[in-house]
Amino acid sequence: MGSAEALHELQKEQTEQTRDRTAPVNPLAPDEGRRVSLEEYWEKWYENPYPDIDVSYEWNNGILEAKPLANAPQIELGFWFLFLLGQYLYSRDIAQLINLETGFVLTMEDVTEPSGIRKAVRKPDIGIILNSNPVPWGRVDQRSFAGVCDGVVEFISDSTQVEVRRDTQEKRRDYALTGVQEYYILDPTSEHMHFFQLTPDRQYEEIQPDAEGVIRSQLLPGFQFRHSDLYELRALEELALDEVYQGFVLPKYQESLAARQRAEQRAESEAAARQQAEQRAESEAAARRQAEQRIDAETASRRQAEERLQSLEAELARLRRRSS
């Protein structure tokens, strides 16, 4: 069996596994595995397909795939990373984000398809669209992105091995083929935490952290994070004091903190100057007191000398009178 046929069989097997697994046991996504056309998907399944069930479907080559619900640690990590990205983009107007179940179309060459083309609609947990992207984004009437995201972040879906394979293998392959420059998989358990960047031959290679565990994005210059912080989820106020994040996290807070520190240093300098002035005044007062005491002592000594002289003169006069 050739590689193209093997890929086709794998995709067929994965589709059948999805149908068999979800159709009878997942009332929250009753149509997962259903085959629909792309036109039907956009019309009926892309947004709010049921009036009483909160489910979101992606479309993969004609098959509906439900986006699994995240657990609490995955949501917490995802929001932390979203806030971090938001801080970066607040300070640099170079990209916009999509999330909240906004989808975009992936078109890939596939020799196993009669048309030679395979398509999918993915709804990334976070999509990054550079301002330089050839397809504009941002109109109020847009509910899907007509281009290809420059970067994608997915929160791992790990309820089943099918979901894990979808994030770590299928989406990784398809995002690379369609030119998504960076693909991040967030996993609070660390088992499937990955950060990929695209090579010239449209393959993903792992972004390696530096000696201090810092991962730096090539897509977003200056956006960086310490790998260990993805587990610690430190507060933004704490990150703002860390040199890794000082370039973009809470700049106004940093300015306010720096201004307060300058004011405190100025107050301390003024207090030290006042203390020095007081000490100098006390020293001068003490010197004056010592001088006054010295003058008083000298005055008393002169007075005593004058009194002795007067006494001697009086005694001399008395003796002269007696001798005469």
Protein backbone atom coordinates (compact mmCIF):
# COMPACT_ATOMS: atom_id res chain seq x y z
CA MET A 1 0.00 0.00 0.00
CA GLY A 2 1.40 3.40 -0.99
CA SER A 3 1.75 6.34 1.40
CA ALA A 4 -1.23 8.15 -0.15
CA GLU A 5 -3.46 5.10 0.24
CA ALA A 6 -2.23 4.58 3.79
CA LEU A 7 -3.09 8.19 4.66
CA HIS A 8 -6.53 7.75 3.13
CA GLU A 9 -7.14 4.58 5.15
CA LEU A 10 -5.98 6.32 8.34
CA GLN A 11 -8.38 9.18 7.75
CA LYS A 12 -11.20 6.75 7.01
CA GLU A 13 -10.43 4.79 10.18
CA GLN A 14 -10.35 7.96 12.29
CA THR A 15 -13.70 9.05 10.84
CA GLU A 16 -15.29 5.69 11.61
CA GLN A 17 -13.83 5.73 15.13
CA THR A 18 -15.31 9.16 15.69
CA ARG A 19 -18.74 8.04 14.46
CA ASP A 20 -18.74 4.86 16.53
CA ARG A 21 -17.48 6.60 19.65
CA THR A 22 -19.70 9.65 19.74
CA ALA A 23 -23.02 8.95 18.03
CA PRO A 24 -24.54 6.66 20.68
CA VAL A 25 -22.95 8.14 23.83
CA ASN A 26 -22.61 11.89 23.38
CA PRO A 27 -25.94 13.66 23.77
CA LEU A 28 -24.12 17.01 23.92
CA ALA A 29 -22.92 16.55 20.32
CA PRO A 30 -25.52 14.27 18.72
CA ASP A 31 -24.37 14.90 15.13
CA GLU A 32 -20.65 14.37 15.56
CA GLY A 33 -19.46 12.19 12.70
CA ARG A 34 -22.29 13.28 10.42
CA ARG A 35 -21.26 13.82 6.81
CA VAL A 36 -22.36 17.22 5.47
CA SER A 37 -21.24 19.43 2.62
CA LEU A 38 -19.25 22.59 3.30
CA GLU A 39 -22.24 24.66 2.20
CA GLU A 40 -24.49 22.81 4.66
CA TYR A 41 -21.91 23.30 7.39
CA TRP A 42 -21.80 27.07 6.93
CA GLU A 43 -25.57 27.27 6.74
CA LYS A 44 -26.57 25.01 9.63
CA TRP A 45 -23.68 23.67 11.68
CA TYR A 46 -21.10 26.44 11.98
CA GLU A 47 -22.92 28.55 14.53
CA ASN A 48 -25.48 27.52 17.20
CA PRO A 49 -26.80 24.38 15.46
CA TYR A 50 -29.23 23.52 18.30
CA PRO A 51 -31.55 25.78 20.27
CA ASP A 52 -31.05 23.86 23.52
CA ILE A 53 -27.50 22.37 23.30
CA ASP A 54 -24.31 24.39 23.61
CA VAL A 55 -21.99 22.63 21.16
CA SER A 56 -19.55 23.82 18.53
CA TYR A 57 -18.64 21.77 15.47
CA GLU A 58 -15.60 21.94 13.29
CA TRP A 59 -15.74 20.51 9.75
CA ASN A 60 -13.08 18.11 8.54
CA ASN A 61 -13.28 17.03 4.92
CA GLY A 62 -17.05 16.56 5.06
CA ILE A 63 -17.31 15.23 8.64
CA LEU A 64 -18.62 17.15 11.67
CA GLU A 65 -16.21 17.09 14.62
CA ALA A 66 -17.38 18.48 17.96
CA LYS A 67 -14.99 20.65 19.93
CA PRO A 68 -14.67 18.90 23.31
CA LEU A 69 -15.25 20.78 26.53
CA ALA A 70 -12.12 21.81 28.43
CA ASN A 71 -11.59 21.00 32.10
CA ALA A 72 -10.84 23.62 34.74
CA PRO A 73 -6.99 23.48 34.57
CA GLN A 74 -7.09 23.71 30.78
CA ILE A 75 -9.40 26.73 30.92
CA GLU A 76 -7.25 28.40 33.57
CA LEU A 77 -4.07 27.91 31.53
CA GLY A 78 -5.81 29.02 28.34
CA PHE A 79 -7.10 32.24 29.85
CA TRP A 80 -3.69 32.98 31.41
CA PHE A 81 -2.02 32.61 28.03
CA LEU A 82 -4.74 34.67 26.34
CA PHE A 83 -4.19 37.48 28.88
CA LEU A 84 -0.45 37.30 28.22
CA LEU A 85 -1.01 37.60 24.46
CA GLY A 86 -3.45 40.43 25.05
CA GLN A 87 -0.85 42.32 27.08
CA TYR A 88 1.66 41.92 24.26
CA LEU A 89 -0.74 43.13 21.56
CA TYR A 90 -1.88 46.02 23.76
CA SER A 91 1.65 47.39 23.62
CA ARG A 92 2.30 46.47 19.96
CA ASP A 93 -0.24 47.01 17.22
CA ILE A 94 0.96 44.22 14.94
CA ALA A 95 -1.78 41.57 15.10
CA GLN A 96 -5.32 40.73 16.12
CA LEU A 97 -6.77 37.68 17.83
CA ILE A 98 -9.74 35.49 17.06
CA ASN A 99 -11.36 33.11 19.49
CA LEU A 100 -14.87 32.46 20.78
CA GLU A 101 -15.42 29.72 18.19
CA THR A 102 -14.41 31.80 15.15
CA GLY A 103 -13.41 29.51 12.30
CA PHE A 104 -11.14 29.65 9.28
CA VAL A 105 -10.75 27.40 6.24
CA LEU A 106 -7.75 25.16 5.64
CA THR A 107 -7.18 24.07 2.04
CA MET A 108 -4.56 21.36 1.55
CA GLU A 109 -3.26 19.27 -1.31
CA ASP A 110 -4.22 15.63 -0.82
CA VAL A 111 -3.59 13.02 -3.48
CA THR A 112 -6.08 10.67 -1.81
CA GLU A 113 -8.94 12.99 -2.73
CA PRO A 114 -10.46 12.83 -6.23
CA SER A 115 -10.06 16.58 -6.55
CA GLY A 116 -6.54 16.52 -5.14
CA ILE A 117 -7.72 18.99 -2.48
CA ARG A 118 -8.84 18.45 1.09
CA LYS A 119 -10.55 21.12 3.16
CA ALA A 120 -11.32 21.66 6.83
CA VAL A 121 -12.81 24.41 8.95
CA ARG A 122 -11.05 24.80 12.29
CA LYS A 123 -12.07 26.95 15.23
CA PRO A 124 -8.82 27.55 17.12
CA ASP A 125 -8.98 28.38 20.79
CA ILE A 126 -6.80 31.36 19.88
CA GLY A 127 -5.97 32.48 16.36
CA ILE A 128 -3.34 35.12 15.61
CA ILE A 129 -3.78 37.27 12.51
CA LEU A 130 -0.91 39.62 11.69
CA ASN A 131 -1.75 43.06 10.35
CA SER A 132 0.39 42.05 7.36
CA ASN A 133 -1.87 39.06 6.60
CA PRO A 134 -3.16 39.42 3.02
CA VAL A 135 -6.74 38.83 4.19
CA PRO A 136 -8.15 41.62 6.38
CA TRP A 137 -9.91 40.96 9.65
CA GLY A 138 -11.93 43.20 11.92
CA ARG A 139 -15.20 44.14 10.23
CA VAL A 140 -18.23 44.04 12.52
CA ASP A 141 -20.04 41.63 10.18
CA GLN A 142 -17.29 39.01 10.16
CA ARG A 143 -18.07 35.74 11.95
CA SER A 144 -15.39 33.67 10.25
CA PHE A 145 -11.94 34.42 8.87
CA ALA A 146 -11.55 34.01 5.13
CA GLY A 147 -7.76 33.72 5.27
CA VAL A 148 -5.27 31.52 7.11
CA CYS A 149 -4.24 32.41 10.65
CA ASP A 150 -0.57 33.24 11.09
CA GLY A 151 -0.51 31.55 14.48
CA VAL A 152 -2.78 29.11 16.33
CA VAL A 153 -3.06 28.15 19.99
CA GLU A 154 -5.07 25.08 20.98
CA PHE A 155 -5.93 23.97 24.52
CA ILE A 156 -5.38 20.22 24.50
CA SER A 157 -8.53 18.11 24.17
CA ASP A 158 -7.69 14.94 26.05
CA SER A 159 -10.97 13.25 26.91
CA THR A 160 -10.14 10.47 24.43
CA GLN A 161 -7.14 9.35 22.40
CA VAL A 162 -9.01 10.42 19.26
CA GLU A 163 -9.10 13.99 20.57
CA VAL A 164 -5.44 13.90 21.58
CA ARG A 165 -4.47 12.63 18.14
CA ARG A 166 -6.59 15.33 16.52
CA ASP A 167 -4.68 18.12 18.29
CA THR A 168 -1.19 16.62 18.27
CA GLN A 169 -1.14 14.95 14.85
CA GLU A 170 -4.00 15.89 12.51
CA LYS A 171 -4.19 19.59 13.26
CA ARG A 172 -0.41 19.82 13.51
CA ARG A 173 -0.10 18.34 10.01
CA ASP A 174 -2.87 20.46 8.49
CA TYR A 175 -1.80 23.74 10.10
CA ALA A 176 1.70 23.20 8.75
CA LEU A 177 0.47 22.37 5.25
CA THR A 178 -1.63 25.55 5.12
CA GLY A 179 1.20 27.80 6.33
CA VAL A 180 0.30 28.54 9.95
CA GLN A 181 3.67 29.88 11.08
CA GLU A 182 3.47 28.93 14.75
CA TYR A 183 1.30 26.32 16.46
CA TYR A 184 1.13 26.08 20.26
CA ILE A 185 -0.53 23.24 22.16
CA LEU A 186 -1.23 24.09 25.80
CA ASP A 187 -1.50 21.22 28.27
CA PRO A 188 -1.45 21.84 32.04
CA THR A 189 -0.29 18.25 32.59
CA SER A 190 2.78 18.95 30.41
CA GLU A 191 2.34 15.62 28.59
CA HIS A 192 1.33 17.26 25.31
CA MET A 193 2.68 20.80 25.79
CA HIS A 194 4.34 21.83 22.52
CA PHE A 195 5.42 24.99 20.74
CA PHE A 196 6.08 24.65 17.03
CA GLN A 197 7.37 26.96 14.33
CA LEU A 198 7.15 26.37 10.60
CA THR A 199 10.20 25.44 8.53
CA PRO A 200 10.64 26.44 4.85
CA ASP A 201 9.46 22.97 3.76
CA ARG A 202 6.21 23.39 5.72
CA GLN A 203 7.08 21.10 8.58
CA TYR A 204 6.89 22.00 12.25
CA GLU A 205 9.94 21.96 14.48
CA GLU A 206 9.86 22.42 18.23
CA ILE A 207 10.76 25.86 19.57
CA GLN A 208 13.54 25.20 22.04
CA PRO A 209 13.68 27.22 25.28
CA ASP A 210 16.92 29.01 26.08
CA ALA A 211 19.19 28.18 29.02
CA GLU A 212 16.79 29.96 31.40
CA GLY A 213 13.73 28.14 30.06
CA VAL A 214 12.41 31.09 28.04
CA ILE A 215 10.51 30.43 24.81
CA ARG A 216 10.62 33.23 22.23
CA SER A 217 8.20 33.67 19.36
CA GLN A 218 9.53 34.42 15.89
CA LEU A 219 6.05 35.34 14.70
CA LEU A 220 5.58 38.00 17.39
CA PRO A 221 8.94 39.72 18.04
CA GLY A 222 9.39 40.37 21.72
CA PHE A 223 6.68 37.95 22.84
CA GLN A 224 8.29 35.49 25.22
CA PHE A 225 7.43 33.45 28.27
CA ARG A 226 9.15 31.22 30.76
CA HIS A 227 8.16 27.59 30.34
CA SER A 228 7.75 27.05 34.09
CA ASP A 229 5.27 29.93 34.31
CA LEU A 230 2.83 27.90 32.22
CA TYR A 231 2.40 25.72 35.30
CA GLU A 232 2.74 28.35 38.00
CA LEU A 233 0.39 30.86 36.28
CA ARG A 234 1.82 33.83 38.14
CA ALA A 235 -0.24 37.01 38.43
CA LEU A 236 0.35 39.73 35.84
CA GLU A 237 1.48 42.15 38.56
CA GLU A 238 4.21 39.69 39.48
CA LEU A 239 5.18 39.12 35.85
CA ALA A 240 5.47 42.87 35.32
CA LEU A 241 8.42 42.85 37.76
CA ASP A 242 10.13 39.98 35.91
CA GLU A 243 12.65 41.01 33.24
CA VAL A 244 11.27 38.34 30.88
CA TYR A 245 7.92 40.15 30.71
CA GLN A 246 8.81 43.76 31.46
CA GLY A 247 8.76 44.62 27.76
CA PHE A 248 5.01 44.13 27.44
CA VAL A 249 3.14 43.14 30.63
CA LEU A 250 1.21 45.92 32.40
CA PRO A 251 3.29 48.86 31.09
CA LYS A 252 1.11 51.42 32.86
CA TYR A 253 1.44 49.50 36.09
CA GLN A 254 5.21 49.48 35.62
CA GLU A 255 5.18 53.24 34.97
CA SER A 256 3.03 53.83 38.05
CA LEU A 257 5.26 51.60 40.15
CA ALA A 258 8.40 53.32 38.85
CA ALA A 259 6.85 56.74 39.56
CA ARG A 260 5.95 55.62 43.07
CA GLN A 261 9.46 54.29 43.60
CA ARG A 262 10.92 57.57 42.35
CA ALA A 263 8.62 59.49 44.69
CA GLU A 264 9.62 57.24 47.59
CA GLN A 265 13.30 57.67 46.74
CA ARG A 266 12.81 61.43 46.48
CA ALA A 267 10.99 61.45 49.83
CA GLU A 268 13.77 59.36 51.36
CA SER A 269 16.39 61.74 49.91
CA GLU A 270 14.50 64.75 51.26
CA ALA A 271 14.13 63.08 54.65
CA ALA A 272 17.84 62.27 54.68
CA ALA A 273 18.62 65.88 53.72
CA ARG A 274 16.35 67.15 56.52
CA GLN A 275 18.01 64.76 58.96
CA GLN A 276 21.44 65.98 57.87
CA ALA A 277 20.28 69.60 58.23
CA GLU A 278 18.89 68.88 61.67
CA GLN A 279 22.10 67.13 62.67
CA ARG A 280 24.11 70.04 61.29
CA ALA A 281 21.89 72.51 63.19
CA GLU A 282 22.30 70.48 66.38
CA SER A 283 26.08 70.42 65.86
CA GLU A 284 26.15 74.18 65.31
CA ALA A 285 23.95 74.75 68.39
CA ALA A 286 26.24 72.52 70.44
CA ALA A 287 29.28 74.44 69.14
CA ARG A 288 27.59 77.72 70.07
CA ARG A 289 26.81 76.42 73.53
CA GLN A 290 30.40 75.30 73.94
CA ALA A 291 31.65 78.72 72.77
CA GLU A 292 29.26 80.49 75.12
CA GLN A 293 30.35 78.26 77.96
CA ARG A 294 33.99 78.97 77.10
CA ILE A 295 33.29 82.72 77.02
CA ASP A 296 31.42 82.51 80.33
CA ALA A 297 34.34 80.62 81.82
CA GLU A 298 36.84 83.16 80.49
CA THR A 299 34.65 86.03 81.77
CA ALA A 300 34.43 84.44 85.22
CA SER A 301 38.20 83.86 85.21
CA ARG A 302 38.86 87.51 84.31
CA ARG A 303 36.43 88.64 86.99
CA GLN A 304 38.17 86.49 89.57
CA ALA A 305 41.58 87.86 88.45
CA GLU A 306 40.30 91.44 88.69
CA GLU A 307 38.89 90.77 92.12
CA ARG A 308 42.23 89.31 93.29
CA LEU A 309 44.09 92.29 91.82
CA GLN A 310 41.75 94.71 93.55
CA SER A 311 42.23 92.80 96.79
CA LEU A 312 46.01 92.92 96.41
CA GLU A 313 45.97 96.64 95.61
CA ALA A 314 43.80 97.30 98.66
CA GLU A 315 46.14 95.26 100.85
CA LEU A 316 49.17 97.10 99.42
CA ALA A 317 47.55 100.43 100.13
CA ARG A 318 46.79 99.35 103.66
CA LEU A 319 50.38 98.28 104.21
CA ARG A 320 51.66 101.56 102.85
CA ARG A 321 49.47 103.48 105.24
CA ARG A 322 50.75 101.49 108.18
CA SER A 323 54.36 102.00 107.22
CA SER A 324 53.91 105.68 106.89
